[in-house]
Amino acid sequence: VVKAEYYWGTKCWWIFLILGIAGVAASLSTDNILVSSLLGVFAFSSFW
């Protein structure tokens, strides 16, 4: 967060939106509960 804001300011927000959406899609498409959980954590960390 700190590095992204330092180099790109608020213009980088869409990158984390795409990462979050990709994480949600990947989490919903996997049957492995461990992998799905970690992808979910990654997705919502991106949204945060």
All heavy atoms as atom14 arrays in JSON, in Angstrom:
{
  "sequence": "VVKAEYYWGTKCWWIFLILGIAGVAASLSTDNILVSSLLGVFAFSSFW",
  "atom14_mask": [
    [1, 1, 1, 1, 1, 1, 1, 0, 0, 0, 0, 0, 0, 0],
    [1, 1, 1, 1, 1, 1, 1, 0, 0, 0, 0, 0, 0, 0],
    [1, 1, 1, 1, 1, 1, 1, 1, 1, 0, 0, 0, 0, 0],
    [1, 1, 1, 1, 1, 0, 0, 0, 0, 0, 0, 0, 0, 0],
    [1, 1, 1, 1, 1, 1, 1, 1, 1, 0, 0, 0, 0, 0],
    [1, 1, 1, 1, 1, 1, 1, 1, 1, 1, 1, 1, 0, 0],
    [1, 1, 1, 1, 1, 1, 1, 1, 1, 1, 1, 1, 0, 0],
    [1, 1, 1, 1, 1, 1, 1, 1, 1, 1, 1, 1, 1, 1],
    [1, 1, 1, 1, 0, 0, 0, 0, 0, 0, 0, 0, 0, 0],
    [1, 1, 1, 1, 1, 1, 1, 0, 0, 0, 0, 0, 0, 0],
    [1, 1, 1, 1, 1, 1, 1, 1, 1, 0, 0, 0, 0, 0],
    [1, 1, 1, 1, 1, 1, 0, 0, 0, 0, 0, 0, 0, 0],
    [1, 1, 1, 1, 1, 1, 1, 1, 1, 1, 1, 1, 1, 1],
    [1, 1, 1, 1, 1, 1, 1, 1, 1, 1, 1, 1, 1, 1],
    [1, 1, 1, 1, 1, 1, 1, 1, 0, 0, 0, 0, 0, 0],
    [1, 1, 1, 1, 1, 1, 1, 1, 1, 1, 1, 0, 0, 0],
    [1, 1, 1, 1, 1, 1, 1, 1, 0, 0, 0, 0, 0, 0],
    [1, 1, 1, 1, 1, 1, 1, 1, 0, 0, 0, 0, 0, 0],
    [1, 1, 1, 1, 1, 1, 1, 1, 0, 0, 0, 0, 0, 0],
    [1, 1, 1, 1, 0, 0, 0, 0, 0, 0, 0, 0, 0, 0],
    [1, 1, 1, 1, 1, 1, 1, 1, 0, 0, 0, 0, 0, 0],
    [1, 1, 1, 1, 1, 0, 0, 0, 0, 0, 0, 0, 0, 0],
    [1, 1, 1, 1, 0, 0, 0, 0, 0, 0, 0, 0, 0, 0],
    [1, 1, 1, 1, 1, 1, 1, 0, 0, 0, 0, 0, 0, 0],
    [1, 1, 1, 1, 1, 0, 0, 0, 0, 0, 0, 0, 0, 0],
    [1, 1, 1, 1, 1, 0, 0, 0, 0, 0, 0, 0, 0, 0],
    [1, 1, 1, 1, 1, 1, 0, 0, 0, 0, 0, 0, 0, 0],
    [1, 1, 1, 1, 1, 1, 1, 1, 0, 0, 0, 0, 0, 0],
    [1, 1, 1, 1, 1, 1, 0, 0, 0, 0, 0, 0, 0, 0],
    [1, 1, 1, 1, 1, 1, 1, 0, 0, 0, 0, 0, 0, 0],
    [1, 1, 1, 1, 1, 1, 1, 1, 0, 0, 0, 0, 0, 0],
    [1, 1, 1, 1, 1, 1, 1, 1, 0, 0, 0, 0, 0, 0],
    [1, 1, 1, 1, 1, 1, 1, 1, 0, 0, 0, 0, 0, 0],
    [1, 1, 1, 1, 1, 1, 1, 1, 0, 0, 0, 0, 0, 0],
    [1, 1, 1, 1, 1, 1, 1, 0, 0, 0, 0, 0, 0, 0],
    [1, 1, 1, 1, 1, 1, 0, 0, 0, 0, 0, 0, 0, 0],
    [1, 1, 1, 1, 1, 1, 0, 0, 0, 0, 0, 0, 0, 0],
    [1, 1, 1, 1, 1, 1, 1, 1, 0, 0, 0, 0, 0, 0],
    [1, 1, 1, 1, 1, 1, 1, 1, 0, 0, 0, 0, 0, 0],
    [1, 1, 1, 1, 0, 0, 0, 0, 0, 0, 0, 0, 0, 0],
    [1, 1, 1, 1, 1, 1, 1, 0, 0, 0, 0, 0, 0, 0],
    [1, 1, 1, 1, 1, 1, 1, 1, 1, 1, 1, 0, 0, 0],
    [1, 1, 1, 1, 1, 0, 0, 0, 0, 0, 0, 0, 0, 0],
    [1, 1, 1, 1, 1, 1, 1, 1, 1, 1, 1, 0, 0, 0],
    [1, 1, 1, 1, 1, 1, 0, 0, 0, 0, 0, 0, 0, 0],
    [1, 1, 1, 1, 1, 1, 0, 0, 0, 0, 0, 0, 0, 0],
    [1, 1, 1, 1, 1, 1, 1, 1, 1, 1, 1, 0, 0, 0],
    [1, 1, 1, 1, 1, 1, 1, 1, 1, 1, 1, 1, 1, 1]
  ],
  "atom14_positions": [
    [[0.83, -1.21, 0.0], [0.0, 0.0, 0.0], [0.86, 1.25, 0.0], [0.67, 2.18, -0.79], [-0.93, 0.02, 1.24], [-1.62, 1.38, 1.35], [-1.99, -1.06, 1.13], [0.0, 0.0, 0.0], [0.0, 0.0, 0.0], [0.0, 0.0, 0.0], [0.0, 0.0, 0.0], [0.0, 0.0, 0.0], [0.0, 0.0, 0.0], [0.0, 0.0, 0.0]],
    [[1.83, 1.27, 0.9], [2.7, 2.45, 1.04], [3.49, 2.7, -0.24], [3.56, 3.83, -0.74], [3.66, 2.26, 2.24], [4.62, 3.44, 2.34], [2.86, 2.12, 3.53], [0.0, 0.0, 0.0], [0.0, 0.0, 0.0], [0.0, 0.0, 0.0], [0.0, 0.0, 0.0], [0.0, 0.0, 0.0], [0.0, 0.0, 0.0], [0.0, 0.0, 0.0]],
    [[4.09, 1.64, -0.79], [4.9, 1.78, -2.0], [4.05, 2.19, -3.2], [4.45, 3.05, -4.01], [5.63, 0.47, -2.31], [6.7, 0.09, -1.27], [7.86, 1.06, -1.32], [8.97, 0.61, -0.35], [10.1, 1.57, -0.34], [0.0, 0.0, 0.0], [0.0, 0.0, 0.0], [0.0, 0.0, 0.0], [0.0, 0.0, 0.0], [0.0, 0.0, 0.0]],
    [[2.89, 1.57, -3.34], [2.01, 1.87, -4.48], [1.56, 3.33, -4.45], [1.58, 4.02, -5.47], [0.8, 0.93, -4.45], [0.0, 0.0, 0.0], [0.0, 0.0, 0.0], [0.0, 0.0, 0.0], [0.0, 0.0, 0.0], [0.0, 0.0, 0.0], [0.0, 0.0, 0.0], [0.0, 0.0, 0.0], [0.0, 0.0, 0.0], [0.0, 0.0, 0.0]],
    [[1.17, 3.79, -3.26], [0.72, 5.19, -3.14], [1.88, 6.14, -3.39], [1.71, 7.19, -4.01], [0.13, 5.4, -1.74], [-0.56, 6.76, -1.54], [0.43, 7.87, -1.23], [1.47, 7.58, -0.61], [0.16, 9.03, -1.62], [0.0, 0.0, 0.0], [0.0, 0.0, 0.0], [0.0, 0.0, 0.0], [0.0, 0.0, 0.0], [0.0, 0.0, 0.0]],
    [[3.09, 5.77, -2.95], [4.26, 6.64, -3.1], [4.61, 6.84, -4.58], [4.9, 7.95, -5.02], [5.45, 6.03, -2.35], [6.73, 6.84, -2.47], [6.94, 7.96, -1.68], [7.72, 6.47, -3.39], [8.1, 8.7, -1.78], [8.89, 7.21, -3.51], [9.08, 8.32, -2.71], [10.22, 9.05, -2.82], [0.0, 0.0, 0.0], [0.0, 0.0, 0.0]],
    [[4.6, 5.75, -5.35], [5.02, 5.83, -6.75], [3.9, 6.24, -7.71], [4.14, 6.91, -8.71], [5.6, 4.49, -7.2], [6.97, 4.2, -6.61], [7.12, 3.23, -5.62], [8.1, 4.89, -7.04], [8.38, 2.97, -5.07], [9.36, 4.64, -6.5], [9.48, 3.68, -5.51], [10.71, 3.43, -4.97], [0.0, 0.0, 0.0], [0.0, 0.0, 0.0]],
    [[2.65, 5.84, -7.42], [1.57, 6.07, -8.39], [0.4, 6.88, -7.83], [-0.51, 7.23, -8.58], [1.04, 4.73, -8.9], [2.09, 3.91, -9.58], [2.84, 4.27, -10.67], [2.5, 2.59, -9.24], [3.71, 3.27, -11.01], [3.52, 2.2, -10.15], [2.12, 1.67, -8.27], [4.15, 0.98, -10.1], [2.75, 0.45, -8.21], [3.75, 0.11, -9.11]],
    [[0.39, 7.16, -6.53], [-0.75, 7.88, -5.95], [-2.02, 7.05, -6.02], [-1.97, 5.81, -6.07], [0.0, 0.0, 0.0], [0.0, 0.0, 0.0], [0.0, 0.0, 0.0], [0.0, 0.0, 0.0], [0.0, 0.0, 0.0], [0.0, 0.0, 0.0], [0.0, 0.0, 0.0], [0.0, 0.0, 0.0], [0.0, 0.0, 0.0], [0.0, 0.0, 0.0]],
    [[-3.17, 7.72, -6.09], [-4.45, 6.99, -6.11], [-4.75, 6.37, -7.47], [-5.71, 5.61, -7.61], [-5.6, 7.93, -5.72], [-5.62, 9.05, -6.61], [-5.45, 8.43, -4.29], [0.0, 0.0, 0.0], [0.0, 0.0, 0.0], [0.0, 0.0, 0.0], [0.0, 0.0, 0.0], [0.0, 0.0, 0.0], [0.0, 0.0, 0.0], [0.0, 0.0, 0.0]],
    [[-3.92, 6.7, -8.49], [-4.18, 6.19, -9.84], [-4.06, 4.67, -9.92], [-4.56, 4.06, -10.87], [-3.21, 6.82, -10.83], [-3.4, 8.33, -11.0], [-2.37, 8.9, -11.95], [-2.52, 10.41, -12.08], [-1.49, 10.99, -12.98], [0.0, 0.0, 0.0], [0.0, 0.0, 0.0], [0.0, 0.0, 0.0], [0.0, 0.0, 0.0], [0.0, 0.0, 0.0]],
    [[-3.41, 4.06, -8.93], [-3.17, 2.61, -8.99], [-4.33, 1.79, -8.43], [-4.25, 0.55, -8.4], [-1.89, 2.26, -8.23], [-1.99, 2.58, -6.45], [0.0, 0.0, 0.0], [0.0, 0.0, 0.0], [0.0, 0.0, 0.0], [0.0, 0.0, 0.0], [0.0, 0.0, 0.0], [0.0, 0.0, 0.0], [0.0, 0.0, 0.0], [0.0, 0.0, 0.0]],
    [[-5.41, 2.44, -7.98], [-6.48, 1.69, -7.31], [-7.08, 0.6, -8.2], [-7.46, -0.47, -7.72], [-7.58, 2.65, -6.83], [-8.4, 3.25, -7.94], [-8.19, 4.4, -8.61], [-9.6, 2.69, -8.52], [-9.15, 4.62, -9.56], [-10.03, 3.57, -9.52], [-10.34, 1.53, -8.27], [-11.17, 3.35, -10.29], [-11.48, 1.28, -9.04], [-11.88, 2.19, -10.02]],
    [[-7.17, 0.87, -9.52], [-7.8, -0.08, -10.43], [-7.0, -1.39, -10.54], [-7.57, -2.45, -10.83], [-7.98, 0.54, -11.81], [-6.7, 0.94, -12.47], [-6.06, 2.15, -12.38], [-5.87, 0.12, -13.32], [-4.89, 2.14, -13.1], [-4.75, 0.92, -13.7], [-5.96, -1.18, -13.79], [-3.75, 0.43, -14.51], [-4.96, -1.67, -14.6], [-3.87, -0.87, -14.96]],
    [[-5.69, -1.31, -10.29], [-4.86, -2.54, -10.32], [-5.33, -3.51, -9.23], [-5.48, -4.71, -9.46], [-3.37, -2.19, -10.12], [-2.87, -1.3, -11.26], [-2.53, -3.46, -10.0], [-1.44, -0.79, -11.06], [0.0, 0.0, 0.0], [0.0, 0.0, 0.0], [0.0, 0.0, 0.0], [0.0, 0.0, 0.0], [0.0, 0.0, 0.0], [0.0, 0.0, 0.0]],
    [[-5.57, -2.94, -8.04], [-6.01, -3.79, -6.92], [-7.45, -4.27, -7.12], [-7.81, -5.34, -6.65], [-5.85, -3.02, -5.61], [-4.42, -2.69, -5.29], [-3.94, -1.4, -5.47], [-3.55, -3.67, -4.86], [-2.62, -1.09, -5.21], [-2.22, -3.38, -4.59], [-1.75, -2.08, -4.77], [0.0, 0.0, 0.0], [0.0, 0.0, 0.0], [0.0, 0.0, 0.0]],
    [[-8.25, -3.46, -7.84], [-9.61, -3.91, -8.16], [-9.56, -5.14, -9.05], [-10.25, -6.14, -8.81], [-10.39, -2.79, -8.86], [-11.8, -3.15, -9.33], [-12.7, -3.51, -8.15], [-12.41, -2.01, -10.14], [0.0, 0.0, 0.0], [0.0, 0.0, 0.0], [0.0, 0.0, 0.0], [0.0, 0.0, 0.0], [0.0, 0.0, 0.0], [0.0, 0.0, 0.0]],
    [[-8.7, -5.1, -10.08], [-8.55, -6.25, -10.99], [-8.02, -7.46, -10.24], [-8.51, -8.59, -10.43], [-7.62, -5.88, -12.16], [-8.28, -4.83, -13.05], [-7.25, -7.12, -12.97], [-7.39, -4.28, -14.14], [0.0, 0.0, 0.0], [0.0, 0.0, 0.0], [0.0, 0.0, 0.0], [0.0, 0.0, 0.0], [0.0, 0.0, 0.0], [0.0, 0.0, 0.0]],
    [[-7.02, -7.24, -9.37], [-6.47, -8.35, -8.58], [-7.54, -8.95, -7.68], [-7.63, -10.18, -7.53], [-5.3, -7.85, -7.72], [-4.0, -7.51, -8.46], [-3.0, -6.89, -7.5], [-3.41, -8.76, -9.11], [0.0, 0.0, 0.0], [0.0, 0.0, 0.0], [0.0, 0.0, 0.0], [0.0, 0.0, 0.0], [0.0, 0.0, 0.0], [0.0, 0.0, 0.0]],
    [[-8.37, -8.09, -7.07], [-9.45, -8.57, -6.2], [-10.47, -9.39, -6.96], [-10.89, -10.46, -6.51], [0.0, 0.0, 0.0], [0.0, 0.0, 0.0], [0.0, 0.0, 0.0], [0.0, 0.0, 0.0], [0.0, 0.0, 0.0], [0.0, 0.0, 0.0], [0.0, 0.0, 0.0], [0.0, 0.0, 0.0], [0.0, 0.0, 0.0], [0.0, 0.0, 0.0]],
    [[-10.87, -8.88, -8.13], [-11.85, -9.61, -8.96], [-11.28, -10.96, -9.4], [-11.97, -11.98, -9.35], [-12.24, -8.76, -10.19], [-13.02, -7.51, -9.75], [-13.07, -9.58, -11.18], [-13.22, -6.5, -10.85], [0.0, 0.0, 0.0], [0.0, 0.0, 0.0], [0.0, 0.0, 0.0], [0.0, 0.0, 0.0], [0.0, 0.0, 0.0], [0.0, 0.0, 0.0]],
    [[-10.01, -10.95, -9.8], [-9.36, -12.2, -10.22], [-9.31, -13.18, -9.06], [-9.56, -14.39, -9.23], [-7.95, -11.91, -10.73], [0.0, 0.0, 0.0], [0.0, 0.0, 0.0], [0.0, 0.0, 0.0], [0.0, 0.0, 0.0], [0.0, 0.0, 0.0], [0.0, 0.0, 0.0], [0.0, 0.0, 0.0], [0.0, 0.0, 0.0], [0.0, 0.0, 0.0]],
    [[-9.02, -12.67, -7.85], [-8.98, -13.53, -6.67], [-10.34, -14.13, -6.35], [-10.44, -15.32, -6.02], [0.0, 0.0, 0.0], [0.0, 0.0, 0.0], [0.0, 0.0, 0.0], [0.0, 0.0, 0.0], [0.0, 0.0, 0.0], [0.0, 0.0, 0.0], [0.0, 0.0, 0.0], [0.0, 0.0, 0.0], [0.0, 0.0, 0.0], [0.0, 0.0, 0.0]],
    [[-11.41, -13.32, -6.45], [-12.77, -13.81, -6.2], [-13.13, -14.88, -7.21], [-13.66, -15.95, -6.86], [-13.79, -12.65, -6.27], [-15.22, -13.2, -6.3], [-13.63, -11.72, -5.07], [0.0, 0.0, 0.0], [0.0, 0.0, 0.0], [0.0, 0.0, 0.0], [0.0, 0.0, 0.0], [0.0, 0.0, 0.0], [0.0, 0.0, 0.0], [0.0, 0.0, 0.0]],
    [[-12.85, -14.61, -8.49], [-13.18, -15.58, -9.55], [-12.43, -16.9, -9.34], [-13.01, -17.98, -9.46], [-12.83, -14.98, -10.92], [0.0, 0.0, 0.0], [0.0, 0.0, 0.0], [0.0, 0.0, 0.0], [0.0, 0.0, 0.0], [0.0, 0.0, 0.0], [0.0, 0.0, 0.0], [0.0, 0.0, 0.0], [0.0, 0.0, 0.0], [0.0, 0.0, 0.0]],
    [[-11.14, -16.8, -9.01], [-10.34, -18.01, -8.79], [-10.83, -18.77, -7.57], [-10.9, -20.01, -7.58], [-8.87, -17.63, -8.63], [0.0, 0.0, 0.0], [0.0, 0.0, 0.0], [0.0, 0.0, 0.0], [0.0, 0.0, 0.0], [0.0, 0.0, 0.0], [0.0, 0.0, 0.0], [0.0, 0.0, 0.0], [0.0, 0.0, 0.0], [0.0, 0.0, 0.0]],
    [[-11.2, -18.03, -6.5], [-11.69, -18.67, -5.28], [-12.98, -19.44, -5.53], [-13.17, -20.55, -5.01], [-11.9, -17.62, -4.19], [-12.41, -18.21, -3.01], [0.0, 0.0, 0.0], [0.0, 0.0, 0.0], [0.0, 0.0, 0.0], [0.0, 0.0, 0.0], [0.0, 0.0, 0.0], [0.0, 0.0, 0.0], [0.0, 0.0, 0.0], [0.0, 0.0, 0.0]],
    [[-13.86, -18.86, -6.34], [-15.14, -19.5, -6.62], [-15.02, -20.69, -7.56], [-15.9, -21.54, -7.6], [-16.11, -18.47, -7.24], [-16.58, -17.33, -6.31], [-17.37, -16.3, -7.11], [-17.42, -17.87, -5.16], [0.0, 0.0, 0.0], [0.0, 0.0, 0.0], [0.0, 0.0, 0.0], [0.0, 0.0, 0.0], [0.0, 0.0, 0.0], [0.0, 0.0, 0.0]],
    [[-13.9, -20.76, -8.3], [-13.77, -21.81, -9.31], [-12.98, -23.02, -8.84], [-12.85, -23.99, -9.58], [-13.1, -21.23, -10.58], [-11.79, -20.8, -10.29], [0.0, 0.0, 0.0], [0.0, 0.0, 0.0], [0.0, 0.0, 0.0], [0.0, 0.0, 0.0], [0.0, 0.0, 0.0], [0.0, 0.0, 0.0], [0.0, 0.0, 0.0], [0.0, 0.0, 0.0]],
    [[-12.43, -22.97, -7.62], [-11.63, -24.11, -7.15], [-12.39, -24.9, -6.08], [-13.12, -24.33, -5.28], [-10.27, -23.64, -6.58], [-9.53, -24.78, -6.15], [-10.46, -22.7, -5.4], [0.0, 0.0, 0.0], [0.0, 0.0, 0.0], [0.0, 0.0, 0.0], [0.0, 0.0, 0.0], [0.0, 0.0, 0.0], [0.0, 0.0, 0.0], [0.0, 0.0, 0.0]],
    [[-12.22, -26.21, -6.1], [-12.89, -27.09, -5.14], [-12.06, -27.3, -3.87], [-12.58, -27.76, -2.87], [-13.15, -28.47, -5.77], [-14.24, -28.4, -6.84], [-15.06, -27.47, -6.77], [-14.25, -29.27, -7.72], [0.0, 0.0, 0.0], [0.0, 0.0, 0.0], [0.0, 0.0, 0.0], [0.0, 0.0, 0.0], [0.0, 0.0, 0.0], [0.0, 0.0, 0.0]],
    [[-10.78, -26.96, -3.92], [-9.92, -27.17, -2.77], [-10.17, -26.07, -1.75], [-9.94, -24.88, -2.01], [-8.45, -27.14, -3.22], [-7.5, -27.51, -2.09], [-7.43, -26.82, -1.08], [-6.77, -28.6, -2.27], [0.0, 0.0, 0.0], [0.0, 0.0, 0.0], [0.0, 0.0, 0.0], [0.0, 0.0, 0.0], [0.0, 0.0, 0.0], [0.0, 0.0, 0.0]],
    [[-10.67, -26.44, -0.57], [-11.08, -25.45, 0.43], [-9.9, -24.61, 0.91], [-10.04, -23.41, 1.18], [-11.77, -26.15, 1.63], [-12.42, -25.09, 2.55], [-10.81, -27.03, 2.41], [-13.56, -24.35, 1.94], [0.0, 0.0, 0.0], [0.0, 0.0, 0.0], [0.0, 0.0, 0.0], [0.0, 0.0, 0.0], [0.0, 0.0, 0.0], [0.0, 0.0, 0.0]],
    [[-8.7, -25.21, 1.0], [-7.51, -24.47, 1.45], [-7.13, -23.4, 0.43], [-6.96, -22.22, 0.77], [-6.34, -25.43, 1.66], [-4.99, -24.8, 2.02], [-5.08, -24.02, 3.32], [-3.91, -25.87, 2.11], [0.0, 0.0, 0.0], [0.0, 0.0, 0.0], [0.0, 0.0, 0.0], [0.0, 0.0, 0.0], [0.0, 0.0, 0.0], [0.0, 0.0, 0.0]],
    [[-7.03, -23.81, -0.83], [-6.66, -22.87, -1.9], [-7.74, -21.8, -2.05], [-7.44, -20.62, -2.2], [-6.45, -23.63, -3.23], [-6.18, -22.65, -4.37], [-5.3, -24.62, -3.11], [0.0, 0.0, 0.0], [0.0, 0.0, 0.0], [0.0, 0.0, 0.0], [0.0, 0.0, 0.0], [0.0, 0.0, 0.0], [0.0, 0.0, 0.0], [0.0, 0.0, 0.0]],
    [[-9.01, -22.23, -2.0], [-10.13, -21.28, -2.13], [-10.09, -20.23, -1.02], [-10.31, -19.04, -1.26], [-11.46, -22.04, -2.08], [-12.55, -21.16, -2.17], [0.0, 0.0, 0.0], [0.0, 0.0, 0.0], [0.0, 0.0, 0.0], [0.0, 0.0, 0.0], [0.0, 0.0, 0.0], [0.0, 0.0, 0.0], [0.0, 0.0, 0.0], [0.0, 0.0, 0.0]],
    [[-9.8, -20.66, 0.21], [-9.74, -19.73, 1.35], [-8.63, -18.71, 1.16], [-8.84, -17.51, 1.39], [-9.52, -20.51, 2.65], [-10.58, -21.4, 2.91], [0.0, 0.0, 0.0], [0.0, 0.0, 0.0], [0.0, 0.0, 0.0], [0.0, 0.0, 0.0], [0.0, 0.0, 0.0], [0.0, 0.0, 0.0], [0.0, 0.0, 0.0], [0.0, 0.0, 0.0]],
    [[-7.46, -19.17, 0.75], [-6.32, -18.26, 0.6], [-6.54, -17.3, -0.57], [-6.15, -16.12, -0.49], [-5.04, -19.06, 0.39], [-4.61, -19.93, 1.59], [-3.33, -20.69, 1.27], [-4.43, -19.07, 2.84], [0.0, 0.0, 0.0], [0.0, 0.0, 0.0], [0.0, 0.0, 0.0], [0.0, 0.0, 0.0], [0.0, 0.0, 0.0], [0.0, 0.0, 0.0]],
    [[-7.16, -17.76, -1.62], [-7.49, -16.86, -2.73], [-8.51, -15.81, -2.29], [-8.45, -14.66, -2.7], [-8.05, -17.66, -3.92], [-7.02, -18.47, -4.72], [-7.73, -19.43, -5.68], [-6.1, -17.53, -5.5], [0.0, 0.0, 0.0], [0.0, 0.0, 0.0], [0.0, 0.0, 0.0], [0.0, 0.0, 0.0], [0.0, 0.0, 0.0], [0.0, 0.0, 0.0]],
    [[-9.44, -16.23, -1.42], [-10.42, -15.28, -0.88], [-9.74, -14.22, -0.03], [-10.08, -13.03, -0.11], [0.0, 0.0, 0.0], [0.0, 0.0, 0.0], [0.0, 0.0, 0.0], [0.0, 0.0, 0.0], [0.0, 0.0, 0.0], [0.0, 0.0, 0.0], [0.0, 0.0, 0.0], [0.0, 0.0, 0.0], [0.0, 0.0, 0.0], [0.0, 0.0, 0.0]],
    [[-8.79, -14.63, 0.8], [-8.03, -13.67, 1.63], [-7.27, -12.7, 0.74], [-7.27, -11.47, 0.97], [-7.04, -14.41, 2.56], [-6.12, -13.41, 3.26], [-7.79, -15.24, 3.59], [0.0, 0.0, 0.0], [0.0, 0.0, 0.0], [0.0, 0.0, 0.0], [0.0, 0.0, 0.0], [0.0, 0.0, 0.0], [0.0, 0.0, 0.0], [0.0, 0.0, 0.0]],
    [[-6.64, -13.22, -0.31], [-5.91, -12.37, -1.26], [-6.85, -11.38, -1.93], [-6.53, -10.18, -2.05], [-5.24, -13.25, -2.33], [-4.6, -12.46, -3.44], [-3.34, -11.9, -3.28], [-5.28, -12.26, -4.63], [-2.75, -11.16, -4.31], [-4.71, -11.51, -5.66], [-3.45, -10.97, -5.5], [0.0, 0.0, 0.0], [0.0, 0.0, 0.0], [0.0, 0.0, 0.0]],
    [[-8.04, -11.85, -2.34], [-9.0, -10.99, -3.03], [-9.45, -9.83, -2.15], [-9.42, -8.66, -2.56], [-10.21, -11.81, -3.49], [0.0, 0.0, 0.0], [0.0, 0.0, 0.0], [0.0, 0.0, 0.0], [0.0, 0.0, 0.0], [0.0, 0.0, 0.0], [0.0, 0.0, 0.0], [0.0, 0.0, 0.0], [0.0, 0.0, 0.0], [0.0, 0.0, 0.0]],
    [[-9.85, -10.14, -0.92], [-10.38, -9.08, -0.05], [-9.27, -8.2, 0.51], [-9.52, -7.04, 0.85], [-11.24, -9.69, 1.05], [-12.57, -10.16, 0.52], [-12.8, -11.5, 0.24], [-13.58, -9.26, 0.26], [-14.0, -11.93, -0.28], [-14.79, -9.67, -0.26], [-15.01, -11.01, -0.53], [0.0, 0.0, 0.0], [0.0, 0.0, 0.0], [0.0, 0.0, 0.0]],
    [[-8.05, -8.7, 0.57], [-6.91, -7.84, 0.91], [-6.68, -6.83, -0.21], [-6.33, -5.67, 0.05], [-5.64, -8.68, 1.12], [-5.78, -9.53, 2.25], [0.0, 0.0, 0.0], [0.0, 0.0, 0.0], [0.0, 0.0, 0.0], [0.0, 0.0, 0.0], [0.0, 0.0, 0.0], [0.0, 0.0, 0.0], [0.0, 0.0, 0.0], [0.0, 0.0, 0.0]],
    [[-6.9, -7.26, -1.45], [-6.77, -6.35, -2.59], [-7.84, -5.26, -2.53], [-7.55, -4.08, -2.76], [-6.89, -7.13, -3.9], [-5.86, -8.09, -4.03], [0.0, 0.0, 0.0], [0.0, 0.0, 0.0], [0.0, 0.0, 0.0], [0.0, 0.0, 0.0], [0.0, 0.0, 0.0], [0.0, 0.0, 0.0], [0.0, 0.0, 0.0], [0.0, 0.0, 0.0]],
    [[-9.08, -5.65, -2.21], [-10.15, -4.65, -2.09], [-9.86, -3.69, -0.94], [-10.1, -2.48, -1.05], [-11.5, -5.35, -1.86], [-11.98, -6.14, -3.04], [-12.52, -7.41, -2.88], [-11.92, -5.62, -4.32], [-12.97, -8.15, -3.96], [-12.37, -6.34, -5.42], [-12.89, -7.61, -5.25], [0.0, 0.0, 0.0], [0.0, 0.0, 0.0], [0.0, 0.0, 0.0]],
    [[-9.34, -4.21, 0.18], [-8.99, -3.37, 1.32], [-7.92, -2.35, 0.92], [-7.94, -1.2, 1.36], [-8.5, -4.25, 2.46], [-7.78, -3.5, 3.55], [-8.32, -2.83, 4.6], [-6.35, -3.35, 3.67], [-7.33, -2.27, 5.37], [-6.11, -2.56, 4.83], [-5.26, -3.8, 2.93], [-4.82, -2.23, 5.25], [-3.98, -3.46, 3.35], [-3.78, -2.68, 4.49]]
  ]
}
